[in-house]
Amino acid sequence: MPKLKTKKAVAKRFRITKRGKIKRMKAGRSHILTKKSRNRKRKLKKSTVVSKSFLKMLRRALPYG
């Protein structure tokens, strides 16, 4: 069986934790920041865990994570 290729676009955006969960950064913090509240921008800084509906697709894209 040949080696599986990692999807590099996915590898740049997601990280796998020691427990096997997949972390991602929140969207919406790159531009048009003046209309967003200070509190909202601060919450967008933090990373979150990917929802269960995406896990199967991401595990296939990151085979050696």
PDB file of N, CA and C in Angstrom:
ATOM      1  N   MET A   1       0.847  -1.189   0.000  1.00  0.00           N
ATOM      2  CA  MET A   1       0.000   0.000   0.000  1.00  0.00           C
ATOM      3  C   MET A   1       0.888   1.247   0.000  1.00  0.00           C
ATOM      4  N   PRO A   2       0.635   2.198  -0.897  1.00  0.00           N
ATOM      5  CA  PRO A   2       1.482   3.395  -0.961  1.00  0.00           C
ATOM      6  C   PRO A   2       1.232   4.318   0.221  1.00  0.00           C
ATOM      7  N   LYS A   3       2.172   5.233   0.429  1.00  0.00           N
ATOM      8  CA  LYS A   3       2.007   6.221   1.483  1.00  0.00           C
ATOM      9  C   LYS A   3       0.877   7.170   1.127  1.00  0.00           C
ATOM     10  N   LEU A   4       0.191   7.667   2.152  1.00  0.00           N
ATOM     11  CA  LEU A   4      -0.901   8.609   1.934  1.00  0.00           C
ATOM     12  C   LEU A   4      -0.354  10.022   1.922  1.00  0.00           C
ATOM     13  N   LYS A   5      -0.907  10.862   1.062  1.00  0.00           N
ATOM     14  CA  LYS A   5      -0.459  12.245   0.988  1.00  0.00           C
ATOM     15  C   LYS A   5      -1.290  13.112   1.928  1.00  0.00           C
ATOM     16  N   THR A   6      -0.609  14.042   2.595  1.00  0.00           N
ATOM     17  CA  THR A   6      -1.272  15.009   3.454  1.00  0.00           C
ATOM     18  C   THR A   6      -1.730  16.178   2.608  1.00  0.00           C
ATOM     19  N   LYS A   7      -2.955  16.637   2.836  1.00  0.00           N
ATOM     20  CA  LYS A   7      -3.438  17.849   2.168  1.00  0.00           C
ATOM     21  C   LYS A   7      -2.780  19.046   2.851  1.00  0.00           C
ATOM     22  N   LYS A   8      -1.852  19.703   2.146  1.00  0.00           N
ATOM     23  CA  LYS A   8      -1.055  20.762   2.750  1.00  0.00           C
ATOM     24  C   LYS A   8      -1.880  21.975   3.143  1.00  0.00           C
ATOM     25  N   ALA A   9      -2.927  22.283   2.397  1.00  0.00           N
ATOM     26  CA  ALA A   9      -3.788  23.412   2.749  1.00  0.00           C
ATOM     27  C   ALA A   9      -4.463  23.173   4.099  1.00  0.00           C
ATOM     28  N   VAL A  10      -4.832  21.917   4.350  1.00  0.00           N
ATOM     29  CA  VAL A  10      -5.469  21.559   5.622  1.00  0.00           C
ATOM     30  C   VAL A  10      -4.429  21.559   6.742  1.00  0.00           C
ATOM     31  N   ALA A  11      -3.227  21.083   6.462  1.00  0.00           N
ATOM     32  CA  ALA A  11      -2.176  21.006   7.474  1.00  0.00           C
ATOM     33  C   ALA A  11      -1.778  22.389   7.980  1.00  0.00           C
ATOM     34  N   LYS A  12      -1.882  23.408   7.128  1.00  0.00           N
ATOM     35  CA  LYS A  12      -1.534  24.768   7.535  1.00  0.00           C
ATOM     36  C   LYS A  12      -2.598  25.385   8.432  1.00  0.00           C
ATOM     37  N   ARG A  13      -3.838  24.940   8.303  1.00  0.00           N
ATOM     38  CA  ARG A  13      -4.948  25.567   9.019  1.00  0.00           C
ATOM     39  C   ARG A  13      -5.367  24.853  10.296  1.00  0.00           C
ATOM     40  N   PHE A  14      -5.021  23.588  10.435  1.00  0.00           N
ATOM     41  CA  PHE A  14      -5.483  22.800  11.575  1.00  0.00           C
ATOM     42  C   PHE A  14      -4.310  22.146  12.296  1.00  0.00           C
ATOM     43  N   ARG A  15      -4.439  21.970  13.610  1.00  0.00           N
ATOM     44  CA  ARG A  15      -3.434  21.289  14.422  1.00  0.00           C
ATOM     45  C   ARG A  15      -4.117  20.190  15.213  1.00  0.00           C
ATOM     46  N   ILE A  16      -3.431  19.087  15.400  1.00  0.00           N
ATOM     47  CA  ILE A  16      -3.980  17.980  16.177  1.00  0.00           C
ATOM     48  C   ILE A  16      -3.386  18.021  17.577  1.00  0.00           C
ATOM     49  N   THR A  17      -4.247  17.969  18.596  1.00  0.00           N
ATOM     50  CA  THR A  17      -3.797  18.018  19.978  1.00  0.00           C
ATOM     51  C   THR A  17      -3.305  16.637  20.406  1.00  0.00           C
ATOM     52  N   LYS A  18      -2.720  16.562  21.575  1.00  0.00           N
ATOM     53  CA  LYS A  18      -2.220  15.282  22.082  1.00  0.00           C
ATOM     54  C   LYS A  18      -3.353  14.280  22.290  1.00  0.00           C
ATOM     55  N   ARG A  19      -4.530  14.765  22.627  1.00  0.00           N
ATOM     56  CA  ARG A  19      -5.676  13.886  22.853  1.00  0.00           C
ATOM     57  C   ARG A  19      -6.383  13.486  21.564  1.00  0.00           C
ATOM     58  N   GLY A  20      -5.927  14.024  20.426  1.00  0.00           N
ATOM     59  CA  GLY A  20      -6.505  13.632  19.155  1.00  0.00           C
ATOM     60  C   GLY A  20      -7.589  14.550  18.622  1.00  0.00           C
ATOM     61  N   LYS A  21      -7.860  15.640  19.348  1.00  0.00           N
ATOM     62  CA  LYS A  21      -8.837  16.602  18.847  1.00  0.00           C
ATOM     63  C   LYS A  21      -8.152  17.494  17.814  1.00  0.00           C
ATOM     64  N   ILE A  22      -8.943  18.156  16.996  1.00  0.00           N
ATOM     65  CA  ILE A  22      -8.386  19.029  15.961  1.00  0.00           C
ATOM     66  C   ILE A  22      -8.738  20.470  16.297  1.00  0.00           C
ATOM     67  N   LYS A  23      -7.686  21.316  16.390  1.00  0.00           N
ATOM     68  CA  LYS A  23      -7.855  22.730  16.721  1.00  0.00           C
ATOM     69  C   LYS A  23      -7.860  23.575  15.461  1.00  0.00           C
ATOM     70  N   ARG A  24      -8.576  24.689  15.518  1.00  0.00           N
ATOM     71  CA  ARG A  24      -8.583  25.649  14.419  1.00  0.00           C
ATOM     72  C   ARG A  24      -8.703  27.055  14.989  1.00  0.00           C
ATOM     73  N   MET A  25      -8.334  28.040  14.181  1.00  0.00           N
ATOM     74  CA  MET A  25      -8.523  29.429  14.580  1.00  0.00           C
ATOM     75  C   MET A  25      -9.883  29.891  14.060  1.00  0.00           C
ATOM     76  N   LYS A  26     -10.452  30.880  14.733  1.00  0.00           N
ATOM     77  CA  LYS A  26     -11.753  31.395  14.320  1.00  0.00           C
ATOM     78  C   LYS A  26     -11.607  32.327  13.131  1.00  0.00           C
ATOM     79  N   ALA A  27     -12.632  32.358  12.311  1.00  0.00           N
ATOM     80  CA  ALA A  27     -12.621  33.208  11.123  1.00  0.00           C
ATOM     81  C   ALA A  27     -13.100  34.613  11.473  1.00  0.00           C
ATOM     82  N   GLY A  28     -12.772  35.578  10.623  1.00  0.00           N
ATOM     83  CA  GLY A  28     -13.316  36.918  10.755  1.00  0.00           C
ATOM     84  C   GLY A  28     -12.422  37.904  11.454  1.00  0.00           C
ATOM     85  N   ARG A  29     -11.107  37.643  11.517  1.00  0.00           N
ATOM     86  CA  ARG A  29     -10.230  38.567  12.219  1.00  0.00           C
ATOM     87  C   ARG A  29      -9.163  39.161  11.296  1.00  0.00           C
ATOM     88  N   SER A  30      -9.383  39.112   9.991  1.00  0.00           N
ATOM     89  CA  SER A  30      -8.355  39.594   9.073  1.00  0.00           C
ATOM     90  C   SER A  30      -8.595  41.015   8.590  1.00  0.00           C
ATOM     91  N   HIS A  31      -9.830  41.418   8.393  1.00  0.00           N
ATOM     92  CA  HIS A  31     -10.110  42.783   7.927  1.00  0.00           C
ATOM     93  C   HIS A  31     -11.509  43.204   8.341  1.00  0.00           C
ATOM     94  N   ILE A  32     -11.857  44.452   8.069  1.00  0.00           N
ATOM     95  CA  ILE A  32     -13.115  45.085   8.497  1.00  0.00           C
ATOM     96  C   ILE A  32     -13.275  44.942  10.018  1.00  0.00           C
ATOM     97  N   LEU A  33     -12.281  45.402  10.750  1.00  0.00           N
ATOM     98  CA  LEU A  33     -12.294  45.233  12.201  1.00  0.00           C
ATOM     99  C   LEU A  33     -12.907  46.432  12.920  1.00  0.00           C
ATOM    100  N   THR A  34     -13.116  47.550  12.217  1.00  0.00           N
ATOM    101  CA  THR A  34     -13.603  48.751  12.902  1.00  0.00           C
ATOM    102  C   THR A  34     -15.035  48.600  13.394  1.00  0.00           C
ATOM    103  N   LYS A  35     -15.868  47.871  12.660  1.00  0.00           N
ATOM    104  CA  LYS A  35     -17.267  47.717  13.079  1.00  0.00           C
ATOM    105  C   LYS A  35     -17.470  46.631  14.110  1.00  0.00           C
ATOM    106  N   LYS A  36     -16.443  45.812  14.347  1.00  0.00           N
ATOM    107  CA  LYS A  36     -16.561  44.740  15.333  1.00  0.00           C
ATOM    108  C   LYS A  36     -16.172  45.263  16.715  1.00  0.00           C
ATOM    109  N   SER A  37     -16.887  44.814  17.707  1.00  0.00           N
ATOM    110  CA  SER A  37     -16.624  45.300  19.064  1.00  0.00           C
ATOM    111  C   SER A  37     -15.309  44.724  19.597  1.00  0.00           C
ATOM    112  N   ARG A  38     -14.780  45.404  20.593  1.00  0.00           N
ATOM    113  CA  ARG A  38     -13.526  44.976  21.214  1.00  0.00           C
ATOM    114  C   ARG A  38     -13.664  43.580  21.793  1.00  0.00           C
ATOM    115  N   ASN A  39     -14.807  43.339  22.417  1.00  0.00           N
ATOM    116  CA  ASN A  39     -15.071  42.035  23.036  1.00  0.00           C
ATOM    117  C   ASN A  39     -15.128  40.931  21.973  1.00  0.00           C
ATOM    118  N   ARG A  40     -15.775  41.222  20.852  1.00  0.00           N
ATOM    119  CA  ARG A  40     -15.890  40.240  19.771  1.00  0.00           C
ATOM    120  C   ARG A  40     -14.525  39.920  19.168  1.00  0.00           C
ATOM    121  N   LYS A  41     -13.696  40.945  18.955  1.00  0.00           N
ATOM    122  CA  LYS A  41     -12.363  40.727  18.383  1.00  0.00           C
ATOM    123  C   LYS A  41     -11.486  39.924  19.329  1.00  0.00           C
ATOM    124  N   ARG A  42     -11.650  40.151  20.611  1.00  0.00           N
ATOM    125  CA  ARG A  42     -10.863  39.412  21.595  1.00  0.00           C
ATOM    126  C   ARG A  42     -11.255  37.931  21.588  1.00  0.00           C
ATOM    127  N   LYS A  43     -12.531  37.652  21.426  1.00  0.00           N
ATOM    128  CA  LYS A  43     -12.982  36.254  21.363  1.00  0.00           C
ATOM    129  C   LYS A  43     -12.533  35.567  20.079  1.00  0.00           C
ATOM    130  N   LEU A  44     -12.380  36.335  18.999  1.00  0.00           N
ATOM    131  CA  LEU A  44     -11.946  35.762  17.726  1.00  0.00           C
ATOM    132  C   LEU A  44     -10.469  35.365  17.747  1.00  0.00           C
ATOM    133  N   LYS A  45      -9.692  35.901  18.705  1.00  0.00           N
ATOM    134  CA  LYS A  45      -8.270  35.558  18.810  1.00  0.00           C
ATOM    135  C   LYS A  45      -8.067  34.098  19.203  1.00  0.00           C
ATOM    136  N   LYS A  46      -8.974  33.577  20.003  1.00  0.00           N
ATOM    137  CA  LYS A  46      -8.776  32.257  20.603  1.00  0.00           C
ATOM    138  C   LYS A  46      -9.062  31.133  19.613  1.00  0.00           C
ATOM    139  N   SER A  47      -8.407  30.013  19.833  1.00  0.00           N
ATOM    140  CA  SER A  47      -8.639  28.843  18.982  1.00  0.00           C
ATOM    141  C   SER A  47      -9.786  28.014  19.564  1.00  0.00           C
ATOM    142  N   THR A  48     -10.375  27.181  18.704  1.00  0.00           N
ATOM    143  CA  THR A  48     -11.466  26.313  19.133  1.00  0.00           C
ATOM    144  C   THR A  48     -11.234  24.913  18.596  1.00  0.00           C
ATOM    145  N   VAL A  49     -12.058  23.995  19.028  1.00  0.00           N
ATOM    146  CA  VAL A  49     -11.988  22.612  18.569  1.00  0.00           C
ATOM    147  C   VAL A  49     -12.988  22.438  17.433  1.00  0.00           C
ATOM    148  N   VAL A  50     -12.610  21.687  16.435  1.00  0.00           N
ATOM    149  CA  VAL A  50     -13.463  21.459  15.265  1.00  0.00           C
ATOM    150  C   VAL A  50     -14.665  20.615  15.667  1.00  0.00           C
ATOM    151  N   SER A  51     -15.834  20.901  15.084  1.00  0.00           N
ATOM    152  CA  SER A  51     -17.048  20.161  15.400  1.00  0.00           C
ATOM    153  C   SER A  51     -16.971  18.725  14.870  1.00  0.00           C
ATOM    154  N   LYS A  52     -17.788  17.865  15.423  1.00  0.00           N
ATOM    155  CA  LYS A  52     -17.748  16.439  15.091  1.00  0.00           C
ATOM    156  C   LYS A  52     -18.093  16.154  13.638  1.00  0.00           C
ATOM    157  N   SER A  53     -18.902  17.030  13.025  1.00  0.00           N
ATOM    158  CA  SER A  53     -19.332  16.777  11.648  1.00  0.00           C
ATOM    159  C   SER A  53     -18.177  16.856  10.647  1.00  0.00           C
ATOM    160  N   PHE A  54     -17.104  17.587  10.986  1.00  0.00           N
ATOM    161  CA  PHE A  54     -15.968  17.731  10.088  1.00  0.00           C
ATOM    162  C   PHE A  54     -14.827  16.755  10.376  1.00  0.00           C
ATOM    163  N   LEU A  55     -14.891  16.048  11.491  1.00  0.00           N
ATOM    164  CA  LEU A  55     -13.765  15.222  11.919  1.00  0.00           C
ATOM    165  C   LEU A  55     -13.379  14.152  10.913  1.00  0.00           C
ATOM    166  N   LYS A  56     -14.333  13.453  10.344  1.00  0.00           N
ATOM    167  CA  LYS A  56     -14.031  12.359   9.421  1.00  0.00           C
ATOM    168  C   LYS A  56     -13.288  12.879   8.193  1.00  0.00           C
ATOM    169  N   MET A  57     -13.742  14.000   7.648  1.00  0.00           N
ATOM    170  CA  MET A  57     -13.106  14.597   6.482  1.00  0.00           C
ATOM    171  C   MET A  57     -11.692  15.075   6.803  1.00  0.00           C
ATOM    172  N   LEU A  58     -11.501  15.686   7.973  1.00  0.00           N
ATOM    173  CA  LEU A  58     -10.186  16.208   8.339  1.00  0.00           C
ATOM    174  C   LEU A  58      -9.198  15.093   8.659  1.00  0.00           C
ATOM    175  N   ARG A  59      -9.656  14.022   9.261  1.00  0.00           N
ATOM    176  CA  ARG A  59      -8.748  12.902   9.558  1.00  0.00           C
ATOM    177  C   ARG A  59      -8.254  12.250   8.273  1.00  0.00           C
ATOM    178  N   ARG A  60      -9.082  12.241   7.237  1.00  0.00           N
ATOM    179  CA  ARG A  60      -8.674  11.715   5.951  1.00  0.00           C
ATOM    180  C   ARG A  60      -7.656  12.643   5.277  1.00  0.00           C
ATOM    181  N   ALA A  61      -7.791  13.945   5.485  1.00  0.00           N
ATOM    182  CA  ALA A  61      -6.893  14.920   4.882  1.00  0.00           C
ATOM    183  C   ALA A  61      -5.566  14.996   5.634  1.00  0.00           C
ATOM    184  N   LEU A  62      -5.567  14.629   6.926  1.00  0.00           N
ATOM    185  CA  LEU A  62      -4.355  14.645   7.747  1.00  0.00           C
ATOM    186  C   LEU A  62      -4.055  13.227   8.236  1.00  0.00           C
ATOM    187  N   PRO A  63      -3.593  12.352   7.366  1.00  0.00           N
ATOM    188  CA  PRO A  63      -3.472  10.936   7.748  1.00  0.00           C
ATOM    189  C   PRO A  63      -2.423  10.652   8.811  1.00  0.00           C
ATOM    190  N   TYR A  64      -1.353  11.449   8.886  1.00  0.00           N
ATOM    191  CA  TYR A  64      -0.289  11.150   9.845  1.00  0.00           C
ATOM    192  C   TYR A  64      -0.236  12.174  10.965  1.00  0.00           C
ATOM    193  N   GLY A  65      -1.372  12.752  11.335  1.00  0.00           N
ATOM    194  CA  GLY A  65      -1.400  13.821  12.329  1.00  0.00           C
ATOM    195  C   GLY A  65      -1.352  13.354  13.734  1.00  0.00           C
TER     196      GLY A  65
END
